[in-house]
PDB file of all heavy atoms in Angstrom:
ATOM      1  N   SER A   1     140.549  51.866  74.499  1.00  0.00           N
ATOM      2  CA  SER A   1     140.086  51.128  75.668  1.00  0.00           C
ATOM      3  C   SER A   1     141.202  50.202  76.122  1.00  0.00           C
ATOM      4  O   SER A   1     142.068  49.840  75.348  1.00  0.00           O
ATOM      5  CB  SER A   1     138.820  50.330  75.349  1.00  0.00           C
ATOM      6  OG  SER A   1     139.123  49.305  74.426  1.00  0.00           O
ATOM      7  N   ALA A   2     141.149  49.855  77.377  1.00  0.00           N
ATOM      8  CA  ALA A   2     142.130  48.942  77.940  1.00  0.00           C
ATOM      9  C   ALA A   2     141.523  48.270  79.162  1.00  0.00           C
ATOM     10  O   ALA A   2     140.590  48.795  79.776  1.00  0.00           O
ATOM     11  CB  ALA A   2     143.394  49.694  78.336  1.00  0.00           C
ATOM     12  N   SER A   3     142.044  47.126  79.482  1.00  0.00           N
ATOM     13  CA  SER A   3     141.633  46.419  80.687  1.00  0.00           C
ATOM     14  C   SER A   3     142.864  46.212  81.550  1.00  0.00           C
ATOM     15  O   SER A   3     143.898  45.777  81.052  1.00  0.00           O
ATOM     16  CB  SER A   3     141.044  45.057  80.329  1.00  0.00           C
ATOM     17  OG  SER A   3     139.906  45.201  79.545  1.00  0.00           O
ATOM     18  N   PRO A   4     142.783  46.538  82.825  1.00  0.00           N
ATOM     19  CA  PRO A   4     143.939  46.301  83.686  1.00  0.00           C
ATOM     20  C   PRO A   4     144.211  44.810  83.832  1.00  0.00           C
ATOM     21  O   PRO A   4     143.277  44.002  83.862  1.00  0.00           O
ATOM     22  CB  PRO A   4     143.534  46.930  85.022  1.00  0.00           C
ATOM     23  CG  PRO A   4     142.048  47.007  84.984  1.00  0.00           C
ATOM     24  CD  PRO A   4     141.651  47.102  83.543  1.00  0.00           C
ATOM     25  N   VAL A   5     145.472  44.467  83.894  1.00  0.00           N
ATOM     26  CA  VAL A   5     145.889  43.087  84.044  1.00  0.00           C
ATOM     27  C   VAL A   5     146.834  43.022  85.222  1.00  0.00           C
ATOM     28  O   VAL A   5     147.833  43.719  85.270  1.00  0.00           O
ATOM     29  CB  VAL A   5     146.602  42.578  82.773  1.00  0.00           C
ATOM     30  CG1 VAL A   5     147.048  41.144  82.938  1.00  0.00           C
ATOM     31  CG2 VAL A   5     145.728  42.743  81.555  1.00  0.00           C
ATOM     32  N   TRP A   6     146.500  42.194  86.186  1.00  0.00           N
ATOM     33  CA  TRP A   6     147.356  42.035  87.365  1.00  0.00           C
ATOM     34  C   TRP A   6     147.030  40.711  88.030  1.00  0.00           C
ATOM     35  O   TRP A   6     146.099  40.029  87.620  1.00  0.00           O
ATOM     36  CB  TRP A   6     147.176  43.206  88.333  1.00  0.00           C
ATOM     37  CG  TRP A   6     148.262  43.290  89.358  1.00  0.00           C
ATOM     38  CD1 TRP A   6     148.135  43.170  90.704  1.00  0.00           C
ATOM     39  CD2 TRP A   6     149.660  43.518  89.120  1.00  0.00           C
ATOM     40  NE1 TRP A   6     149.350  43.299  91.319  1.00  0.00           N
ATOM     41  CE2 TRP A   6     150.314  43.515  90.367  1.00  0.00           C
ATOM     42  CE3 TRP A   6     150.425  43.697  87.969  1.00  0.00           C
ATOM     43  CZ2 TRP A   6     151.682  43.692  90.500  1.00  0.00           C
ATOM     44  CZ3 TRP A   6     151.792  43.882  88.105  1.00  0.00           C
ATOM     45  CH2 TRP A   6     152.396  43.888  89.365  1.00  0.00           C
ATOM     46  N   VAL A   7     147.763  40.350  89.041  1.00  0.00           N
ATOM     47  CA  VAL A   7     147.541  39.115  89.778  1.00  0.00           C
ATOM     48  C   VAL A   7     146.190  39.213  90.484  1.00  0.00           C
ATOM     49  O   VAL A   7     145.913  40.191  91.182  1.00  0.00           O
ATOM     50  CB  VAL A   7     148.676  38.879  90.804  1.00  0.00           C
ATOM     51  CG1 VAL A   7     148.435  37.609  91.594  1.00  0.00           C
ATOM     52  CG2 VAL A   7     150.020  38.857  90.101  1.00  0.00           C
ATOM     53  N   LYS A   8     145.368  38.183  90.320  1.00  0.00           N
ATOM     54  CA  LYS A   8     144.019  38.193  90.884  1.00  0.00           C
ATOM     55  C   LYS A   8     144.068  38.385  92.401  1.00  0.00           C
ATOM     56  O   LYS A   8     144.846  37.739  93.097  1.00  0.00           O
ATOM     57  CB  LYS A   8     143.298  36.880  90.557  1.00  0.00           C
ATOM     58  CG  LYS A   8     141.860  36.870  91.000  1.00  0.00           C
ATOM     59  CD  LYS A   8     141.159  35.603  90.581  1.00  0.00           C
ATOM     60  CE  LYS A   8     139.729  35.652  91.065  1.00  0.00           C
ATOM     61  NZ  LYS A   8     138.990  34.472  90.668  1.00  0.00           N
ATOM     62  N   ASP A   9     143.240  39.289  92.893  1.00  0.00           N
ATOM     63  CA  ASP A   9     143.088  39.594  94.317  1.00  0.00           C
ATOM     64  C   ASP A   9     144.369  40.151  94.955  1.00  0.00           C
ATOM     65  O   ASP A   9     144.529  40.096  96.172  1.00  0.00           O
ATOM     66  CB  ASP A   9     142.620  38.374  95.104  1.00  0.00           C
ATOM     67  CG  ASP A   9     141.262  37.873  94.629  1.00  0.00           C
ATOM     68  OD1 ASP A   9     140.432  38.727  94.257  1.00  0.00           O
ATOM     69  OD2 ASP A   9     141.038  36.659  94.630  1.00  0.00           O
ATOM     70  N   ALA A  10     145.290  40.704  94.156  1.00  0.00           N
ATOM     71  CA  ALA A  10     146.533  41.255  94.707  1.00  0.00           C
ATOM     72  C   ALA A  10     146.717  42.723  94.325  1.00  0.00           C
ATOM     73  O   ALA A  10     147.825  43.234  94.370  1.00  0.00           O
ATOM     74  CB  ALA A  10     147.720  40.433  94.239  1.00  0.00           C
ATOM     75  N   GLU A  11     145.643  43.397  93.966  1.00  0.00           N
ATOM     76  CA  GLU A  11     145.731  44.785  93.520  1.00  0.00           C
ATOM     77  C   GLU A  11     146.305  45.716  94.579  1.00  0.00           C
ATOM     78  O   GLU A  11     146.948  46.702  94.289  1.00  0.00           O
ATOM     79  CB  GLU A  11     144.356  45.308  93.068  1.00  0.00           C
ATOM     80  CG  GLU A  11     143.824  44.638  91.834  1.00  0.00           C
ATOM     81  CD  GLU A  11     143.068  43.350  92.145  1.00  0.00           C
ATOM     82  OE1 GLU A  11     142.927  42.996  93.340  1.00  0.00           O
ATOM     83  OE2 GLU A  11     142.631  42.684  91.203  1.00  0.00           O
ATOM     84  N   GLU A  12     146.057  45.416  95.844  1.00  0.00           N
ATOM     85  CA  GLU A  12     146.519  46.275  96.936  1.00  0.00           C
ATOM     86  C   GLU A  12     147.825  45.792  97.573  1.00  0.00           C
ATOM     87  O   GLU A  12     148.351  46.439  98.469  1.00  0.00           O
ATOM     88  CB  GLU A  12     145.431  46.378  98.012  1.00  0.00           C
ATOM     89  CG  GLU A  12     144.108  46.920  97.503  1.00  0.00           C
ATOM     90  CD  GLU A  12     144.227  48.339  96.962  1.00  0.00           C
ATOM     91  OE1 GLU A  12     144.950  49.148  97.567  1.00  0.00           O
ATOM     92  OE2 GLU A  12     143.591  48.637  95.923  1.00  0.00           O
ATOM     93  N   GLU A  13     148.338  44.666  97.130  1.00  0.00           N
ATOM     94  CA  GLU A  13     149.570  44.108  97.682  1.00  0.00           C
ATOM     95  C   GLU A  13     150.783  44.876  97.164  1.00  0.00           C
ATOM     96  O   GLU A  13     150.744  45.458  96.089  1.00  0.00           O
ATOM     97  CB  GLU A  13     149.705  42.634  97.309  1.00  0.00           C
ATOM     98  CG  GLU A  13     148.582  41.759  97.806  1.00  0.00           C
ATOM     99  CD  GLU A  13     148.571  41.613  99.318  1.00  0.00           C
ATOM    100  OE1 GLU A  13     149.641  41.596  99.924  1.00  0.00           O
ATOM    101  OE2 GLU A  13     147.469  41.524  99.884  1.00  0.00           O
ATOM    102  N   ILE A  14     151.864  44.867  97.943  1.00  0.00           N
ATOM    103  CA  ILE A  14     153.118  45.467  97.493  1.00  0.00           C
ATOM    104  C   ILE A  14     154.164  44.367  97.320  1.00  0.00           C
ATOM    105  O   ILE A  14     153.969  43.243  97.795  1.00  0.00           O
ATOM    106  CB  ILE A  14     153.616  46.559  98.467  1.00  0.00           C
ATOM    107  CG1 ILE A  14     153.876  45.971  99.850  1.00  0.00           C
ATOM    108  CG2 ILE A  14     152.644  47.721  98.529  1.00  0.00           C
ATOM    109  CD1 ILE A  14     154.554  46.936 100.804  1.00  0.00           C
ATOM    110  N   ASN A  15     155.229  44.701  96.639  1.00  0.00           N
ATOM    111  CA  ASN A  15     156.329  43.762  96.382  1.00  0.00           C
ATOM    112  C   ASN A  15     155.871  42.518  95.633  1.00  0.00           C
ATOM    113  O   ASN A  15     156.272  41.412  95.936  1.00  0.00           O
ATOM    114  CB  ASN A  15     157.037  43.378  97.679  1.00  0.00           C
ATOM    115  CG  ASN A  15     157.686  44.571  98.335  1.00  0.00           C
ATOM    116  OD1 ASN A  15     158.214  45.440  97.646  1.00  0.00           O
ATOM    117  ND2 ASN A  15     157.641  44.629  99.641  1.00  0.00           N
ATOM    118  N   ILE A  16     155.006  42.709  94.653  1.00  0.00           N
ATOM    119  CA  ILE A  16     154.542  41.624  93.798  1.00  0.00           C
ATOM    120  C   ILE A  16     155.341  41.675  92.502  1.00  0.00           C
ATOM    121  O   ILE A  16     155.529  42.728  91.912  1.00  0.00           O
ATOM    122  CB  ILE A  16     153.045  41.780  93.457  1.00  0.00           C
ATOM    123  CG1 ILE A  16     152.199  41.764  94.716  1.00  0.00           C
ATOM    124  CG2 ILE A  16     152.592  40.751  92.453  1.00  0.00           C
ATOM    125  CD1 ILE A  16     152.046  40.419  95.352  1.00  0.00           C
ATOM    126  N   THR A  17     155.815  40.518  92.057  1.00  0.00           N
ATOM    127  CA  THR A  17     156.486  40.399  90.773  1.00  0.00           C
ATOM    128  C   THR A  17     155.745  39.365  89.955  1.00  0.00           C
ATOM    129  O   THR A  17     155.389  38.299  90.469  1.00  0.00           O
ATOM    130  CB  THR A  17     157.956  39.956  90.947  1.00  0.00           C
ATOM    131  OG1 THR A  17     158.625  40.906  91.753  1.00  0.00           O
ATOM    132  CG2 THR A  17     158.652  39.852  89.608  1.00  0.00           C
ATOM    133  N   CYS A  18     155.483  39.662  88.695  1.00  0.00           N
ATOM    134  CA  CYS A  18     154.821  38.693  87.837  1.00  0.00           C
ATOM    135  C   CYS A  18     155.301  38.866  86.415  1.00  0.00           C
ATOM    136  O   CYS A  18     155.978  39.836  86.083  1.00  0.00           O
ATOM    137  CB  CYS A  18     153.295  38.804  87.932  1.00  0.00           C
ATOM    138  SG  CYS A  18     152.637  40.371  87.414  1.00  0.00           S
ATOM    139  N   GLY A  19     154.963  37.917  85.575  1.00  0.00           N
ATOM    140  CA  GLY A  19     155.395  37.971  84.183  1.00  0.00           C
ATOM    141  C   GLY A  19     154.233  37.749  83.247  1.00  0.00           C
ATOM    142  O   GLY A  19     153.280  37.038  83.567  1.00  0.00           O
ATOM    143  N   PHE A  20     154.322  38.380  82.092  1.00  0.00           N
ATOM    144  CA  PHE A  20     153.328  38.229  81.037  1.00  0.00           C
ATOM    145  C   PHE A  20     154.060  37.821  79.769  1.00  0.00           C
ATOM    146  O   PHE A  20     155.157  38.314  79.496  1.00  0.00           O
ATOM    147  CB  PHE A  20     152.559  39.537  80.820  1.00  0.00           C
ATOM    148  CG  PHE A  20     151.830  39.993  82.041  1.00  0.00           C
ATOM    149  CD1 PHE A  20     152.394  40.896  82.923  1.00  0.00           C
ATOM    150  CD2 PHE A  20     150.567  39.499  82.317  1.00  0.00           C
ATOM    151  CE1 PHE A  20     151.732  41.307  84.063  1.00  0.00           C
ATOM    152  CE2 PHE A  20     149.887  39.904  83.465  1.00  0.00           C
ATOM    153  CZ  PHE A  20     150.477  40.808  84.334  1.00  0.00           C
ATOM    154  N   TYR A  21     153.470  36.928  79.005  1.00  0.00           N
ATOM    155  CA  TYR A  21     154.138  36.393  77.818  1.00  0.00           C
ATOM    156  C   TYR A  21     153.143  36.250  76.680  1.00  0.00           C
ATOM    157  O   TYR A  21     151.972  35.910  76.891  1.00  0.00           O
ATOM    158  CB  TYR A  21     154.735  35.010  78.136  1.00  0.00           C
ATOM    159  CG  TYR A  21     155.163  34.269  76.905  1.00  0.00           C
ATOM    160  CD1 TYR A  21     156.392  34.523  76.309  1.00  0.00           C
ATOM    161  CD2 TYR A  21     154.323  33.336  76.312  1.00  0.00           C
ATOM    162  CE1 TYR A  21     156.774  33.863  75.156  1.00  0.00           C
ATOM    163  CE2 TYR A  21     154.689  32.668  75.160  1.00  0.00           C
ATOM    164  CZ  TYR A  21     155.917  32.936  74.588  1.00  0.00           C
ATOM    165  OH  TYR A  21     156.290  32.298  73.442  1.00  0.00           O
ATOM    166  N   THR A  22     153.625  36.509  75.475  1.00  0.00           N
ATOM    167  CA  THR A  22     152.856  36.209  74.273  1.00  0.00           C
ATOM    168  C   THR A  22     153.834  35.912  73.141  1.00  0.00           C
ATOM    169  O   THR A  22     155.010  36.255  73.216  1.00  0.00           O
ATOM    170  CB  THR A  22     151.911  37.367  73.886  1.00  0.00           C
ATOM    171  OG1 THR A  22     151.002  36.918  72.882  1.00  0.00           O
ATOM    172  CG2 THR A  22     152.674  38.579  73.391  1.00  0.00           C
ATOM    173  N   ALA A  23     153.337  35.290  72.116  1.00  0.00           N
ATOM    174  CA  ALA A  23     154.121  35.037  70.905  1.00  0.00           C
ATOM    175  C   ALA A  23     153.355  35.650  69.740  1.00  0.00           C
ATOM    176  O   ALA A  23     152.135  35.469  69.628  1.00  0.00           O
ATOM    177  CB  ALA A  23     154.316  33.543  70.691  1.00  0.00           C
ATOM    178  N   ILE A  24     154.064  36.399  68.897  1.00  0.00           N
ATOM    179  CA  ILE A  24     153.416  37.052  67.756  1.00  0.00           C
ATOM    180  C   ILE A  24     154.222  36.776  66.489  1.00  0.00           C
ATOM    181  O   ILE A  24     155.435  36.613  66.542  1.00  0.00           O
ATOM    182  CB  ILE A  24     153.282  38.585  67.971  1.00  0.00           C
ATOM    183  CG1 ILE A  24     154.651  39.256  68.078  1.00  0.00           C
ATOM    184  CG2 ILE A  24     152.423  38.892  69.181  1.00  0.00           C
ATOM    185  CD1 ILE A  24     154.605  40.767  68.001  1.00  0.00           C
ATOM    186  N   PRO A  25     153.538  36.745  65.347  1.00  0.00           N
ATOM    187  CA  PRO A  25     154.272  36.575  64.088  1.00  0.00           C
ATOM    188  C   PRO A  25     154.902  37.896  63.663  1.00  0.00           C
ATOM    189  O   PRO A  25     154.471  38.972  64.078  1.00  0.00           O
ATOM    190  CB  PRO A  25     153.183  36.155  63.098  1.00  0.00           C
ATOM    191  CG  PRO A  25     151.930  36.753  63.656  1.00  0.00           C
ATOM    192  CD  PRO A  25     152.095  36.758  65.156  1.00  0.00           C
ATOM    193  N   ARG A  26     155.945  37.796  62.861  1.00  0.00           N
ATOM    194  CA  ARG A  26     156.550  39.000  62.304  1.00  0.00           C
ATOM    195  C   ARG A  26     155.613  39.510  61.217  1.00  0.00           C
ATOM    196  O   ARG A  26     155.202  38.779  60.334  1.00  0.00           O
ATOM    197  CB  ARG A  26     157.914  38.690  61.718  1.00  0.00           C
ATOM    198  CG  ARG A  26     158.574  39.911  61.103  1.00  0.00           C
ATOM    199  CD  ARG A  26     159.958  39.594  60.566  1.00  0.00           C
ATOM    200  NE  ARG A  26     160.506  40.724  59.882  1.00  0.00           N
ATOM    201  CZ  ARG A  26     161.201  41.698  60.447  1.00  0.00           C
ATOM    202  NH1 ARG A  26     161.416  41.651  61.737  1.00  0.00           N
ATOM    203  NH2 ARG A  26     161.673  42.705  59.757  1.00  0.00           N
ATOM    204  N   GLY A  27     155.266  40.770  61.297  1.00  0.00           N
ATOM    205  CA  GLY A  27     154.391  41.379  60.304  1.00  0.00           C
ATOM    206  C   GLY A  27     155.198  42.028  59.198  1.00  0.00           C
ATOM    207  O   GLY A  27     156.427  42.070  59.229  1.00  0.00           O
ATOM    208  N   THR A  28     154.501  42.546  58.225  1.00  0.00           N
ATOM    209  CA  THR A  28     155.166  43.255  57.134  1.00  0.00           C
ATOM    210  C   THR A  28     155.120  44.754  57.336  1.00  0.00           C
ATOM    211  O   THR A  28     155.824  45.497  56.656  1.00  0.00           O
ATOM    212  CB  THR A  28     154.509  42.906  55.785  1.00  0.00           C
ATOM    213  OG1 THR A  28     153.115  43.223  55.865  1.00  0.00           O
ATOM    214  CG2 THR A  28     154.677  41.436  55.464  1.00  0.00           C
ATOM    215  N   ASP A  29     154.304  45.217  58.268  1.00  0.00           N
ATOM    216  CA  ASP A  29     154.169  46.645  58.552  1.00  0.00           C
ATOM    217  C   ASP A  29     154.896  47.003  59.830  1.00  0.00           C
ATOM    218  O   ASP A  29     155.426  46.148  60.533  1.00  0.00           O
ATOM    219  CB  ASP A  29     152.683  47.011  58.698  1.00  0.00           C
ATOM    220  CG  ASP A  29     151.903  46.758  57.407  1.00  0.00           C
ATOM    221  OD1 ASP A  29     152.486  46.924  56.329  1.00  0.00           O
ATOM    222  OD2 ASP A  29     150.719  46.392  57.502  1.00  0.00           O
ATOM    223  N   GLN A  30     154.874  48.278  60.158  1.00  0.00           N
ATOM    224  CA  GLN A  30     155.448  48.747  61.413  1.00  0.00           C
ATOM    225  C   GLN A  30     154.707  48.102  62.582  1.00  0.00           C
ATOM    226  O   GLN A  30     153.491  47.984  62.574  1.00  0.00           O
ATOM    227  CB  GLN A  30     155.337  50.262  61.512  1.00  0.00           C
ATOM    228  CG  GLN A  30     155.927  50.825  62.774  1.00  0.00           C
ATOM    229  CD  GLN A  30     155.730  52.332  62.897  1.00  0.00           C
ATOM    230  OE1 GLN A  30     154.730  52.868  62.435  1.00  0.00           O
ATOM    231  NE2 GLN A  30     156.685  53.005  63.496  1.00  0.00           N
ATOM    232  N   THR A  31     155.457  47.666  63.584  1.00  0.00           N
ATOM    233  CA  THR A  31     154.873  47.053  64.771  1.00  0.00           C
ATOM    234  C   THR A  31     155.233  47.899  65.980  1.00  0.00           C
ATOM    235  O   THR A  31     156.412  48.097  66.268  1.00  0.00           O
ATOM    236  CB  THR A  31     155.399  45.615  64.964  1.00  0.00           C
ATOM    237  OG1 THR A  31     155.121  44.863  63.775  1.00  0.00           O
ATOM    238  CG2 THR A  31     154.737  44.949  66.151  1.00  0.00           C
ATOM    239  N   VAL A  32     154.221  48.400  66.654  1.00  0.00           N
ATOM    240  CA  VAL A  32     154.422  49.254  67.824  1.00  0.00           C
ATOM    241  C   VAL A  32     153.790  48.560  69.026  1.00  0.00           C
ATOM    242  O   VAL A  32     152.616  48.192  68.992  1.00  0.00           O
ATOM    243  CB  VAL A  32     153.800  50.650  67.622  1.00  0.00           C
ATOM    244  CG1 VAL A  32     153.948  51.493  68.864  1.00  0.00           C
ATOM    245  CG2 VAL A  32     154.435  51.343  66.416  1.00  0.00           C
ATOM    246  N   LEU A  33     154.582  48.391  70.058  1.00  0.00           N
ATOM    247  CA  LEU A  33     154.099  47.822  71.315  1.00  0.00           C
ATOM    248  C   LEU A  33     153.734  48.988  72.226  1.00  0.00           C
ATOM    249  O   LEU A  33     154.542  49.874  72.453  1.00  0.00           O
ATOM    250  CB  LEU A  33     155.188  46.961  71.942  1.00  0.00           C
ATOM    251  CG  LEU A  33     154.843  46.305  73.275  1.00  0.00           C
ATOM    252  CD1 LEU A  33     153.706  45.308  73.087  1.00  0.00           C
ATOM    253  CD2 LEU A  33     156.056  45.604  73.823  1.00  0.00           C
ATOM    254  N   ARG A  34     152.506  48.974  72.734  1.00  0.00           N
ATOM    255  CA  ARG A  34     152.026  50.053  73.613  1.00  0.00           C
ATOM    256  C   ARG A  34     151.767  49.473  74.995  1.00  0.00           C
ATOM    257  O   ARG A  34     151.048  48.500  75.123  1.00  0.00           O
ATOM    258  CB  ARG A  34     150.777  50.693  73.052  1.00  0.00           C
ATOM    259  CG  ARG A  34     151.040  51.450  71.766  1.00  0.00           C
ATOM    260  CD  ARG A  34     149.744  51.968  71.154  1.00  0.00           C
ATOM    261  NE  ARG A  34     150.004  52.815  70.014  1.00  0.00           N
ATOM    262  CZ  ARG A  34     150.210  52.363  68.784  1.00  0.00           C
ATOM    263  NH1 ARG A  34     150.173  51.072  68.537  1.00  0.00           N
ATOM    264  NH2 ARG A  34     150.441  53.197  67.799  1.00  0.00           N
TER     265      ARG A  34
END
């Protein structure tokens, strides 16, 4: 499952730039970003 993430009320707009940020700890297992 997934939820779309975008700028609120700008789904139909063009030329939009935005950024997403998170901080995560280093794990001991393989880490895969999807």
